[in-house]
């Protein structure tokens, strides 16, 4: 799968958009700037970006409202950009479906690193689905791969649509949620520390802190509740990490 290198920047600061264009385009990205989120649904469909950089302090609807509107129609990776760096604001953004959070002022090189890290979450997971199906007994994971999907305990995780379904009901996942769900599903019954989850789901040079992982797991559990799954599917192992609880 080729991940789009188009970046949509939603920020009311036109000078920032221009500076990001100047910095990111030599690195192979095409940067589109929008100064308000009034027509964000149409804009997403028209541009079809690989990632969105979204400022919280927008002039009309704030970034959190725009984020909710985006998540209703798209699973595109989203990095929040904001001068509000308080932990509470970061958690709100993550809980609403953002994949990462960067407080202003920021280093352009750090932003570039975060963009690359978030996009890596999309590409490696898709590449794994392009491998031949795993036959029973050939892998210690005991997970069924069928085309674009991973199947486990009645769940079907679809890489192309970036969604999870059970009993005919489907829910979209953010990129970070998809990566974590994939990792947990393909290690059923195994206790994974937060450090291990970070390494497997994101990468050693990614920016998913322990707290961010906890927030993403909380969102995944909320999604599972919508799918009418048992509440202890992702079990917390206190002081260690998380475990996918298999059906007996």
Protein backbone atom coordinates (compact mmCIF):
# COMPACT_ATOMS: atom_id res chain seq x y z
CA UNK A 1 0.00 0.00 0.00
CA UNK A 2 1.26 3.48 -0.91
CA UNK A 3 0.40 6.01 1.79
CA UNK A 4 -0.64 9.42 0.46
CA UNK A 5 1.95 12.15 1.01
CA UNK A 6 -0.70 14.87 0.89
CA UNK A 7 -1.00 16.85 4.12
CA UNK A 8 -4.03 18.96 5.02
CA UNK A 9 -3.25 21.77 7.50
CA UNK A 10 -6.21 23.38 9.29
CA UNK A 11 -4.93 26.53 10.98
CA UNK A 12 -6.12 30.14 10.95
CA UNK A 13 -2.50 31.33 10.84
CA UNK A 14 -1.73 31.65 7.11
CA UNK A 15 1.93 32.38 7.86
CA UNK A 16 2.25 29.06 9.69
CA UNK A 17 0.68 27.25 6.74
CA UNK A 18 3.17 28.91 4.39
CA UNK A 19 6.11 28.02 6.61
CA UNK A 20 4.95 24.39 6.81
CA UNK A 21 4.63 24.30 3.04
CA UNK A 22 8.17 25.67 2.67
CA UNK A 23 9.57 23.13 5.12
CA UNK A 24 7.59 19.98 4.25
CA UNK A 25 7.41 20.16 0.46
CA UNK A 26 11.18 19.64 -0.03
CA UNK A 27 10.71 16.44 1.99
CA UNK A 28 8.27 15.13 -0.62
CA UNK A 29 4.94 16.20 0.92
CA UNK A 30 2.19 18.20 -0.79
CA UNK A 31 0.73 20.63 1.74
CA UNK A 32 -2.81 22.00 1.43
CA UNK A 33 -3.84 24.77 3.83
CA UNK A 34 -7.33 25.62 5.11
CA UNK A 35 -7.99 28.49 7.53
CA UNK A 36 -11.38 27.27 8.82
CA UNK A 37 -13.28 24.02 9.19
CA UNK A 38 -16.65 25.09 7.83
CA UNK A 39 -16.50 22.73 4.87
CA UNK A 40 -14.15 20.12 6.28
CA UNK A 41 -16.21 17.14 5.09
CA UNK A 42 -16.12 18.33 1.50
CA UNK A 43 -12.45 19.30 1.81
CA UNK A 44 -11.45 15.83 3.06
CA UNK A 45 -13.27 14.16 0.17
CA UNK A 46 -11.72 16.52 -2.37
CA UNK A 47 -8.10 16.43 -1.16
CA UNK A 48 -8.03 12.89 0.28
CA UNK A 49 -4.98 13.62 2.48
CA UNK A 50 -2.70 11.03 4.03
CA UNK A 51 -2.62 13.01 7.29
CA UNK A 52 -4.24 16.09 8.83
CA UNK A 53 -2.57 18.72 11.03
CA UNK A 54 -5.34 20.37 13.05
CA UNK A 55 -5.06 23.46 15.24
CA UNK A 56 -7.26 23.55 18.33
CA UNK A 57 -7.72 27.33 18.42
CA UNK A 58 -9.74 27.82 15.23
CA UNK A 59 -11.81 31.01 14.71
CA UNK A 60 -15.29 29.47 14.48
CA UNK A 61 -15.66 25.85 15.53
CA UNK A 62 -12.71 24.85 17.70
CA UNK A 63 -10.36 22.04 16.74
CA UNK A 64 -12.07 19.52 19.01
CA UNK A 65 -15.40 20.10 17.27
CA UNK A 66 -13.75 19.80 13.85
CA UNK A 67 -12.00 16.63 15.05
CA UNK A 68 -15.35 15.06 15.95
CA UNK A 69 -16.74 16.05 12.56
CA UNK A 70 -13.73 14.50 10.84
CA UNK A 71 -13.95 11.27 12.80
CA UNK A 72 -17.58 10.90 11.79
CA UNK A 73 -16.57 10.54 8.13
CA UNK A 74 -12.90 9.55 8.03
CA UNK A 75 -10.20 7.53 9.79
CA UNK A 76 -7.43 9.75 8.36
CA UNK A 77 -4.51 10.16 10.82
CA UNK A 78 -4.73 13.46 12.72
CA UNK A 79 -2.07 15.38 14.65
CA UNK A 80 -3.37 18.20 16.84
CA UNK A 81 -1.36 21.44 16.81
CA UNK A 82 -2.05 23.86 19.63
CA UNK A 83 -0.63 26.45 21.97
CA UNK A 84 -2.63 24.73 24.73
CA UNK A 85 -0.21 22.10 25.96
CA UNK A 86 -1.94 21.14 29.19
CA UNK A 87 -2.36 17.42 29.83
CA UNK A 88 -6.16 17.74 30.01
CA UNK A 89 -6.31 19.17 26.49
CA UNK A 90 -4.02 16.45 25.15
CA UNK A 91 -6.21 13.77 26.69
CA UNK A 92 -9.39 15.33 25.26
CA UNK A 93 -7.85 15.33 21.79
CA UNK A 94 -6.74 11.72 22.07
CA UNK A 95 -10.09 10.60 23.47
CA UNK A 96 -11.87 12.26 20.54
CA UNK A 97 -9.75 10.31 18.08
CA UNK A 98 -6.53 12.26 17.45
CA UNK A 99 -3.44 10.15 16.78
CA UNK A 100 -0.87 12.54 18.22
CA UNK A 101 -0.57 15.96 19.83
CA UNK A 102 2.10 18.65 19.42
CA UNK A 103 2.14 21.90 21.41
CA UNK A 104 3.18 25.22 19.86
CA UNK A 105 5.81 26.46 19.46
CA UNK A 106 7.31 23.33 18.00
CA UNK A 107 10.39 22.37 16.03
CA UNK A 108 9.63 21.69 12.34
CA UNK A 109 12.00 18.73 12.53
CA UNK A 110 10.02 17.27 15.43
CA UNK A 111 6.78 17.75 13.48
CA UNK A 112 8.34 15.96 10.50
CA UNK A 113 9.41 13.08 12.76
CA UNK A 114 5.89 12.79 14.18
CA UNK A 115 4.32 12.86 10.71
CA UNK A 116 6.61 10.04 9.60
CA UNK A 117 5.90 8.07 12.79
CA UNK A 118 2.12 8.36 12.42
CA UNK A 119 2.24 7.41 8.72
CA UNK A 120 4.37 4.37 9.57
CA UNK A 121 1.46 3.12 11.67
CA UNK A 122 -0.60 2.90 8.49
CA UNK A 123 1.90 1.30 6.11
CA UNK A 124 3.39 -1.57 8.15
CA UNK A 125 0.01 -2.81 9.31
CA UNK A 126 -1.22 -2.98 5.70
CA UNK A 127 1.94 -4.77 4.54
CA UNK A 128 1.32 -7.53 7.09
CA UNK A 129 -2.09 -8.24 5.55
CA UNK A 130 -0.44 -8.75 2.15
CA UNK A 131 1.27 -11.93 3.42
CA UNK A 132 -0.25 -15.39 2.70
CA UNK A 133 -2.92 -16.66 5.10
CA UNK A 134 -1.68 -18.35 8.25
CA UNK A 135 -2.76 -21.98 8.53
CA UNK A 136 -3.67 -23.49 11.91
CA UNK A 137 -0.59 -24.58 13.80
CA UNK A 138 1.82 -22.59 11.65
CA UNK A 139 1.96 -19.64 14.02
CA UNK A 140 2.01 -19.41 17.82
CA UNK A 141 -0.47 -16.54 17.59
CA UNK A 142 -3.40 -18.73 16.44
CA UNK A 143 -4.99 -15.85 14.54
CA UNK A 144 -6.85 -16.35 11.26
CA UNK A 145 -5.80 -14.09 8.38
CA UNK A 146 -8.36 -13.88 5.57
CA UNK A 147 -7.47 -11.48 2.79
CA UNK A 148 -7.52 -7.97 4.23
CA UNK A 149 -8.75 -9.08 7.66
CA UNK A 150 -7.52 -10.51 10.93
CA UNK A 151 -10.14 -12.61 12.72
CA UNK A 152 -10.11 -13.43 16.42
CA UNK A 153 -12.85 -14.40 18.89
CA UNK A 154 -15.64 -13.30 16.55
CA UNK A 155 -13.95 -10.01 15.62
CA UNK A 156 -12.88 -9.07 12.12
CA UNK A 157 -10.28 -6.31 11.79
CA UNK A 158 -10.27 -4.85 8.28
CA UNK A 159 -7.04 -3.13 7.22
CA UNK A 160 -8.34 -1.52 4.05
CA UNK A 161 -11.32 0.11 5.76
CA UNK A 162 -9.50 0.55 9.10
CA UNK A 163 -12.50 -0.74 10.99
CA UNK A 164 -13.45 -3.58 13.32
CA UNK A 165 -16.67 -5.57 13.21
CA UNK A 166 -18.51 -8.25 15.15
CA UNK A 167 -21.91 -9.86 14.55
CA UNK A 168 -22.48 -7.65 11.50
CA UNK A 169 -21.81 -4.35 13.30
CA UNK A 170 -18.78 -2.27 12.28
CA UNK A 171 -16.95 0.64 13.89
CA UNK A 172 -14.18 2.85 12.51
CA UNK A 173 -10.85 3.08 14.33
CA UNK A 174 -8.25 5.84 14.37
CA UNK A 175 -4.80 4.88 13.11
CA UNK A 176 -3.40 4.54 16.62
CA UNK A 177 -6.42 2.52 17.77
CA UNK A 178 -6.07 0.25 14.76
CA UNK A 179 -2.38 -0.39 15.46
CA UNK A 180 -3.02 -1.21 19.11
CA UNK A 181 -6.01 -3.42 18.32
CA UNK A 182 -4.01 -5.29 15.67
CA UNK A 183 -1.16 -5.86 18.13
CA UNK A 184 -3.43 -7.13 20.90
CA UNK A 185 -5.49 -9.34 18.56
CA UNK A 186 -2.38 -10.99 17.12
CA UNK A 187 -1.00 -11.72 20.61
CA UNK A 188 -4.07 -13.31 22.22
CA UNK A 189 -3.63 -14.39 25.81
CA UNK A 190 -0.25 -12.71 26.10
CA UNK A 191 0.40 -9.94 28.62
CA UNK A 192 2.06 -7.04 26.79
CA UNK A 193 3.80 -4.31 28.73
CA UNK A 194 3.24 -0.72 27.65
CA UNK A 195 6.82 -0.60 26.37
CA UNK A 196 6.19 -3.74 24.32
CA UNK A 197 2.95 -2.31 22.96
CA UNK A 198 4.75 0.86 21.96
CA UNK A 199 7.42 -1.12 20.13
CA UNK A 200 5.01 -3.47 18.35
CA UNK A 201 2.17 -1.06 17.58
CA UNK A 202 4.08 2.10 16.84
CA UNK A 203 7.90 1.91 16.72
CA UNK A 204 10.81 2.54 19.02
CA UNK A 205 11.16 6.14 17.84
CA UNK A 206 7.46 6.99 18.02
CA UNK A 207 5.88 9.34 20.54
CA UNK A 208 3.17 7.21 22.14
CA UNK A 209 3.63 7.69 25.87
CA UNK A 210 2.27 5.31 28.50
CA UNK A 211 -0.56 7.76 29.15
CA UNK A 212 -1.42 7.98 25.44
CA UNK A 213 -1.57 4.19 25.20
CA UNK A 214 -3.95 4.09 28.18
CA UNK A 215 -6.22 6.65 26.51
CA UNK A 216 -6.25 4.75 23.20
CA UNK A 217 -7.04 1.47 24.99
CA UNK A 218 -9.92 3.23 26.74
CA UNK A 219 -11.31 4.32 23.35
CA UNK A 220 -10.92 0.80 21.95
CA UNK A 221 -12.90 -0.56 24.89
CA UNK A 222 -15.64 1.99 24.21
CA UNK A 223 -15.76 0.78 20.61
CA UNK A 224 -16.00 -2.83 21.78
CA UNK A 225 -18.94 -1.91 24.00
CA UNK A 226 -20.71 -0.62 20.89
CA UNK A 227 -20.06 -4.04 19.34
CA UNK A 228 -21.72 -5.69 22.39
CA UNK A 229 -18.53 -7.47 23.40
CA UNK A 230 -17.70 -8.51 26.96
CA UNK A 231 -16.17 -5.65 28.98
CA UNK A 232 -13.04 -7.54 29.99
CA UNK A 233 -11.90 -8.29 26.40
CA UNK A 234 -8.80 -6.15 26.88
CA UNK A 235 -7.74 -6.95 30.41
CA UNK A 236 -5.61 -4.56 32.44
CA UNK A 237 -2.71 -6.27 34.17
CA UNK A 238 -1.96 -3.79 36.91
CA UNK A 239 1.62 -2.59 37.01
CA UNK A 240 2.39 -4.32 33.70
CA UNK A 241 0.18 -3.64 30.69
CA UNK A 242 -2.68 -5.23 28.77
CA UNK A 243 -3.83 -8.62 27.52
CA UNK A 244 -6.34 -9.74 24.86
CA UNK A 245 -8.63 -12.15 26.69
CA UNK A 246 -9.50 -15.09 24.44
CA UNK A 247 -12.87 -16.80 24.45
CA UNK A 248 -12.70 -20.07 26.37
